[in-house]
N, C-alpha and C. Protein backbone atom coordinates (compact mmCIF):
# COMPACT_ATOMS: atom_id res chain seq x y z
N SER A 1 2.45 6.08 -3.98
CA SER A 1 2.17 4.94 -4.74
C SER A 1 1.79 5.28 -6.17
N THR A 2 2.19 4.35 -7.00
CA THR A 2 1.90 4.69 -8.49
C THR A 2 1.06 3.58 -9.10
N SER A 3 0.61 3.81 -10.25
CA SER A 3 -0.29 2.91 -10.91
C SER A 3 0.15 2.93 -12.44
N PRO A 4 -0.20 1.79 -13.13
CA PRO A 4 0.21 1.78 -14.49
C PRO A 4 -0.71 2.74 -15.42
N SER A 5 -1.88 3.09 -14.81
CA SER A 5 -2.49 4.09 -15.57
C SER A 5 -2.83 5.32 -14.65
N THR A 6 -2.52 6.50 -15.21
CA THR A 6 -2.52 7.75 -14.47
C THR A 6 -3.87 8.08 -13.83
N ASP A 7 -5.02 7.53 -14.35
CA ASP A 7 -6.29 7.84 -13.68
C ASP A 7 -6.41 7.08 -12.38
N LYS A 8 -5.60 6.13 -12.13
CA LYS A 8 -5.75 5.38 -10.81
C LYS A 8 -4.84 5.89 -9.67
N CYS A 9 -3.83 6.78 -10.12
CA CYS A 9 -2.95 7.22 -9.13
C CYS A 9 -3.44 8.44 -8.34
N CYS A 10 -4.47 9.05 -8.74
CA CYS A 10 -4.99 10.25 -8.07
C CYS A 10 -5.63 9.84 -6.81
N LEU A 11 -5.38 10.59 -5.79
CA LEU A 11 -6.01 10.34 -4.44
C LEU A 11 -7.44 10.49 -4.51
N ARG A 12 -8.25 9.64 -4.08
CA ARG A 12 -9.70 9.70 -4.17
C ARG A 12 -10.43 9.93 -2.66
N ALA A 13 -9.66 9.70 -1.65
CA ALA A 13 -10.26 9.70 -0.36
C ALA A 13 -9.30 10.35 0.68
N ALA A 14 -9.82 11.07 1.58
CA ALA A 14 -9.00 11.72 2.61
C ALA A 14 -8.79 10.71 3.84
N ALA A 15 -9.68 9.85 4.03
CA ALA A 15 -9.56 8.79 5.17
C ALA A 15 -8.40 7.91 4.99
N LEU A 16 -7.74 7.44 6.05
CA LEU A 16 -6.67 6.53 5.81
C LEU A 16 -6.99 5.25 5.22
N ALA A 17 -7.95 4.53 5.54
CA ALA A 17 -8.33 3.17 5.09
C ALA A 17 -8.54 3.16 3.63
N PRO A 18 -9.32 4.04 3.08
CA PRO A 18 -9.38 4.00 1.62
C PRO A 18 -8.08 4.42 0.97
N GLN A 19 -7.23 5.22 1.50
CA GLN A 19 -5.97 5.57 0.87
C GLN A 19 -5.17 4.29 0.96
N PHE A 20 -5.10 3.62 2.02
CA PHE A 20 -4.34 2.30 2.12
C PHE A 20 -4.82 1.33 1.05
N ASP A 21 -6.11 1.17 0.91
CA ASP A 21 -6.65 0.23 -0.08
C ASP A 21 -6.16 0.66 -1.48
N GLN A 22 -6.36 1.94 -1.83
CA GLN A 22 -5.86 2.43 -3.10
C GLN A 22 -4.34 2.26 -3.34
N ALA A 23 -3.56 2.48 -2.33
CA ALA A 23 -2.09 2.45 -2.43
C ALA A 23 -1.75 0.94 -2.56
N LEU A 24 -2.34 0.03 -1.81
CA LEU A 24 -2.11 -1.36 -2.02
C LEU A 24 -2.59 -2.00 -3.33
N ALA A 25 -3.64 -1.57 -3.84
CA ALA A 25 -4.13 -1.94 -5.13
C ALA A 25 -3.19 -1.42 -6.17
N ASN A 26 -2.65 -0.19 -6.02
CA ASN A 26 -1.62 0.32 -7.01
C ASN A 26 -0.41 -0.43 -6.97
N VAL A 27 0.11 -0.83 -5.85
CA VAL A 27 1.30 -1.68 -5.70
C VAL A 27 1.07 -3.00 -6.47
N LEU A 28 -0.07 -3.60 -6.22
CA LEU A 28 -0.37 -4.89 -6.85
C LEU A 28 -0.58 -4.73 -8.39
N ALA A 29 -1.16 -3.62 -8.83
CA ALA A 29 -1.27 -3.42 -10.24
C ALA A 29 0.03 -3.26 -10.97
N VAL A 30 0.90 -2.56 -10.38
CA VAL A 30 2.23 -2.45 -10.93
C VAL A 30 2.92 -3.73 -10.92
N LEU A 31 2.76 -4.49 -9.91
CA LEU A 31 3.43 -5.80 -9.90
C LEU A 31 2.82 -6.80 -10.92
N ALA A 32 1.55 -6.64 -11.15
CA ALA A 32 0.91 -7.59 -12.13
C ALA A 32 1.37 -7.24 -13.53
N VAL A 33 1.63 -6.04 -13.87
CA VAL A 33 2.16 -5.56 -15.14
C VAL A 33 3.42 -6.29 -15.37
N ALA A 34 4.26 -6.43 -14.27
CA ALA A 34 5.57 -7.07 -14.46
C ALA A 34 5.41 -8.63 -14.37
N GLY A 35 4.22 -9.21 -14.23
CA GLY A 35 4.13 -10.59 -14.23
C GLY A 35 4.06 -11.18 -12.87
N GLY A 36 3.96 -10.27 -11.78
CA GLY A 36 4.05 -10.88 -10.51
C GLY A 36 2.71 -10.85 -9.75
N ALA A 37 2.65 -11.27 -8.52
CA ALA A 37 1.57 -11.44 -7.65
C ALA A 37 1.90 -11.02 -6.22
N ALA A 38 0.87 -10.84 -5.50
CA ALA A 38 1.01 -10.46 -4.09
C ALA A 38 2.08 -11.36 -3.42
N SER A 39 2.12 -12.66 -3.78
CA SER A 39 3.04 -13.58 -3.05
C SER A 39 4.57 -13.37 -3.41
N HIS A 40 4.65 -12.41 -4.39
CA HIS A 40 6.22 -12.18 -4.85
C HIS A 40 6.75 -10.99 -3.96
N ILE A 41 5.90 -10.29 -3.24
CA ILE A 41 6.37 -9.18 -2.42
C ILE A 41 7.11 -9.70 -1.20
N CYS A 42 8.36 -9.24 -1.05
CA CYS A 42 9.19 -9.76 0.12
C CYS A 42 9.39 -8.68 1.13
N ARG A 43 9.15 -7.41 0.87
CA ARG A 43 9.25 -6.42 1.87
C ARG A 43 8.27 -5.23 1.43
N MET A 44 7.80 -4.66 2.54
CA MET A 44 6.95 -3.55 2.34
C MET A 44 7.13 -2.57 3.51
N THR A 45 7.22 -1.27 3.18
CA THR A 45 7.33 -0.22 4.07
C THR A 45 6.07 0.76 3.93
N ALA A 46 5.46 1.10 5.01
CA ALA A 46 4.38 2.03 4.98
C ALA A 46 4.89 3.32 5.72
N TYR A 47 4.67 4.44 5.08
CA TYR A 47 4.96 5.72 5.64
C TYR A 47 3.71 6.41 5.97
N CYS A 48 3.43 6.75 7.15
CA CYS A 48 2.17 7.37 7.60
C CYS A 48 2.39 8.67 8.33
N SER A 49 1.58 9.66 8.00
CA SER A 49 1.73 10.94 8.66
C SER A 49 0.64 11.18 9.77
N ASP A 50 -0.18 10.23 9.98
CA ASP A 50 -1.28 10.38 11.11
C ASP A 50 -1.29 9.10 11.89
N ARG A 51 -0.62 9.16 12.96
CA ARG A 51 -0.56 7.94 13.91
C ARG A 51 -1.96 7.59 14.49
N PRO A 52 -2.61 8.61 15.03
CA PRO A 52 -3.95 8.36 15.64
C PRO A 52 -4.82 7.75 14.60
N ALA A 53 -4.92 8.29 13.37
CA ALA A 53 -5.74 7.69 12.38
C ALA A 53 -5.33 6.29 12.02
N TYR A 54 -3.99 6.01 11.97
CA TYR A 54 -3.60 4.64 11.74
C TYR A 54 -4.01 3.71 12.85
N LEU A 55 -3.87 4.10 14.06
CA LEU A 55 -4.27 3.29 15.19
C LEU A 55 -5.77 2.99 15.23
N ALA A 56 -6.52 4.02 14.83
CA ALA A 56 -7.97 3.86 14.80
C ALA A 56 -8.42 2.97 13.55
N ALA A 57 -7.65 3.01 12.64
CA ALA A 57 -8.03 2.24 11.35
C ALA A 57 -7.52 0.88 11.29
N ARG A 58 -6.86 0.38 12.29
CA ARG A 58 -6.18 -0.94 12.20
C ARG A 58 -7.13 -2.03 11.87
N PRO A 59 -8.37 -2.13 12.41
CA PRO A 59 -9.27 -3.23 12.00
C PRO A 59 -9.60 -3.21 10.56
N ASP A 60 -9.87 -1.99 10.00
CA ASP A 60 -10.09 -1.90 8.65
C ASP A 60 -8.97 -2.19 7.71
N LEU A 61 -7.65 -1.74 8.28
CA LEU A 61 -6.50 -2.02 7.36
C LEU A 61 -6.25 -3.50 7.30
N GLY A 62 -6.50 -4.19 8.43
CA GLY A 62 -6.33 -5.69 8.47
C GLY A 62 -7.34 -6.34 7.39
N ALA A 63 -8.60 -5.87 7.32
CA ALA A 63 -9.54 -6.44 6.36
C ALA A 63 -9.17 -6.17 4.91
N ILE A 64 -8.57 -4.88 4.76
CA ILE A 64 -8.12 -4.53 3.33
C ILE A 64 -6.95 -5.44 3.01
N TRP A 65 -6.04 -5.55 3.99
CA TRP A 65 -4.87 -6.54 3.70
C TRP A 65 -5.25 -7.90 3.38
N ARG A 66 -6.15 -8.51 4.09
CA ARG A 66 -6.61 -9.83 3.74
C ARG A 66 -7.31 -9.89 2.56
N HIS A 67 -8.14 -8.92 2.18
CA HIS A 67 -8.81 -8.93 0.87
C HIS A 67 -7.81 -8.92 -0.31
N ARG A 68 -6.78 -8.15 -0.13
CA ARG A 68 -5.82 -7.94 -1.31
C ARG A 68 -4.65 -8.89 -1.36
N MET A 69 -4.15 -9.13 -0.11
CA MET A 69 -2.96 -9.99 0.05
C MET A 69 -3.12 -11.39 0.53
N GLY A 70 -4.34 -11.58 0.95
CA GLY A 70 -4.56 -13.02 1.51
C GLY A 70 -3.82 -13.16 2.93
N ARG A 71 -3.17 -14.28 3.06
CA ARG A 71 -2.37 -14.54 4.24
C ARG A 71 -0.90 -14.44 4.01
N HIS A 72 -0.56 -13.57 2.96
CA HIS A 72 0.87 -13.43 2.75
C HIS A 72 1.34 -12.20 3.52
N TYR A 73 2.31 -12.35 4.31
CA TYR A 73 2.84 -11.25 5.15
C TYR A 73 4.41 -11.19 5.05
N PRO A 74 4.81 -10.20 4.14
CA PRO A 74 6.24 -10.07 3.89
C PRO A 74 6.84 -9.31 5.04
N ALA A 75 8.10 -9.12 5.19
CA ALA A 75 8.71 -8.26 6.14
C ALA A 75 8.16 -6.81 5.97
N MET A 76 7.69 -6.35 7.07
CA MET A 76 6.98 -4.97 6.96
C MET A 76 7.50 -4.04 8.01
N SER A 77 7.50 -2.78 7.67
CA SER A 77 7.82 -1.62 8.58
C SER A 77 6.78 -0.57 8.44
N MET A 78 6.52 0.06 9.61
CA MET A 78 5.60 1.17 9.63
C MET A 78 6.40 2.30 10.14
N ILE A 79 6.58 3.38 9.28
CA ILE A 79 7.29 4.60 9.74
C ILE A 79 6.43 5.76 9.74
N PHE A 80 6.44 6.44 11.00
CA PHE A 80 5.54 7.56 11.07
C PHE A 80 6.38 8.83 10.65
N VAL A 81 5.80 9.71 9.82
CA VAL A 81 6.53 10.80 9.34
C VAL A 81 5.73 12.17 9.62
N SER A 82 6.44 13.30 9.58
CA SER A 82 5.66 14.44 9.79
C SER A 82 4.76 14.90 8.60
N ASP A 83 5.09 14.55 7.38
CA ASP A 83 4.33 14.91 6.20
C ASP A 83 4.70 13.99 5.00
N LEU A 84 3.76 13.99 4.07
CA LEU A 84 4.08 13.32 2.73
C LEU A 84 4.00 14.29 1.68
N LEU A 85 4.66 14.00 0.60
CA LEU A 85 4.75 14.91 -0.51
C LEU A 85 3.43 15.13 -1.21
N ASP A 86 2.65 14.08 -1.36
CA ASP A 86 1.38 14.16 -2.18
C ASP A 86 0.23 14.51 -1.11
N ARG A 87 -0.12 15.60 -0.85
CA ARG A 87 -1.18 15.90 0.04
C ARG A 87 -2.48 15.77 -0.77
N PRO A 88 -3.62 15.33 -0.09
CA PRO A 88 -3.76 15.18 1.30
C PRO A 88 -3.42 13.64 1.72
N ALA A 89 -2.55 13.08 1.09
CA ALA A 89 -2.12 11.67 1.41
C ALA A 89 -1.71 11.59 2.82
N CYS A 90 -2.18 10.54 3.52
CA CYS A 90 -1.55 10.27 4.90
C CYS A 90 -0.85 8.87 5.02
N ILE A 91 -0.79 8.19 3.83
CA ILE A 91 -0.15 6.93 3.87
C ILE A 91 0.47 6.66 2.44
N GLU A 92 1.66 6.21 2.49
CA GLU A 92 2.31 5.71 1.21
C GLU A 92 2.98 4.37 1.44
N LEU A 93 2.99 3.58 0.39
CA LEU A 93 3.55 2.26 0.47
C LEU A 93 4.66 2.11 -0.45
N GLU A 94 5.77 1.45 -0.04
CA GLU A 94 6.84 1.07 -0.82
C GLU A 94 7.05 -0.40 -0.67
N ALA A 95 7.21 -1.08 -1.77
CA ALA A 95 7.40 -2.51 -1.80
C ALA A 95 8.44 -3.07 -2.67
N THR A 96 9.03 -4.15 -2.24
CA THR A 96 10.03 -4.91 -3.03
C THR A 96 9.48 -6.26 -3.35
N ALA A 97 9.59 -6.71 -4.56
CA ALA A 97 9.11 -8.03 -4.95
C ALA A 97 10.25 -8.71 -5.72
N VAL A 98 10.25 -10.00 -5.56
CA VAL A 98 11.13 -10.91 -6.23
C VAL A 98 10.38 -11.75 -7.12
N LEU A 99 10.57 -11.57 -8.48
CA LEU A 99 9.81 -12.31 -9.46
C LEU A 99 10.67 -13.55 -9.93
N PRO A 100 9.99 -14.68 -9.99
CA PRO A 100 10.76 -15.81 -10.42
C PRO A 100 11.17 -15.74 -12.00
N PHE A 101 12.25 -16.41 -12.35
CA PHE A 101 12.60 -16.41 -13.82
C PHE A 101 11.65 -17.17 -14.52
N VAL A 102 11.22 -16.68 -15.73
CA VAL A 102 10.40 -17.42 -16.59
C VAL A 102 11.03 -18.05 -17.67
């Protein structure tokens, strides 16, 4: 996940829930720079390399989601992978948003 400022894209936590929070914040920050909001996200894919950690963190992930996204639930997929490029990351988010014409 990327951010408009390079100091925010660096991984700050090894645990899955803080990584998810940071990744989601980064997605929303990029979207905000383009003039969008969470409600403009129409699809999101999460890539996770630690299934047991994901299952254990689901209550925390739900709270993070509601805090950042409210009750907006776009089409979502969770894909478990053997590894991610940016170690020690254990989750990455990919999102597609549709912004209205201004």
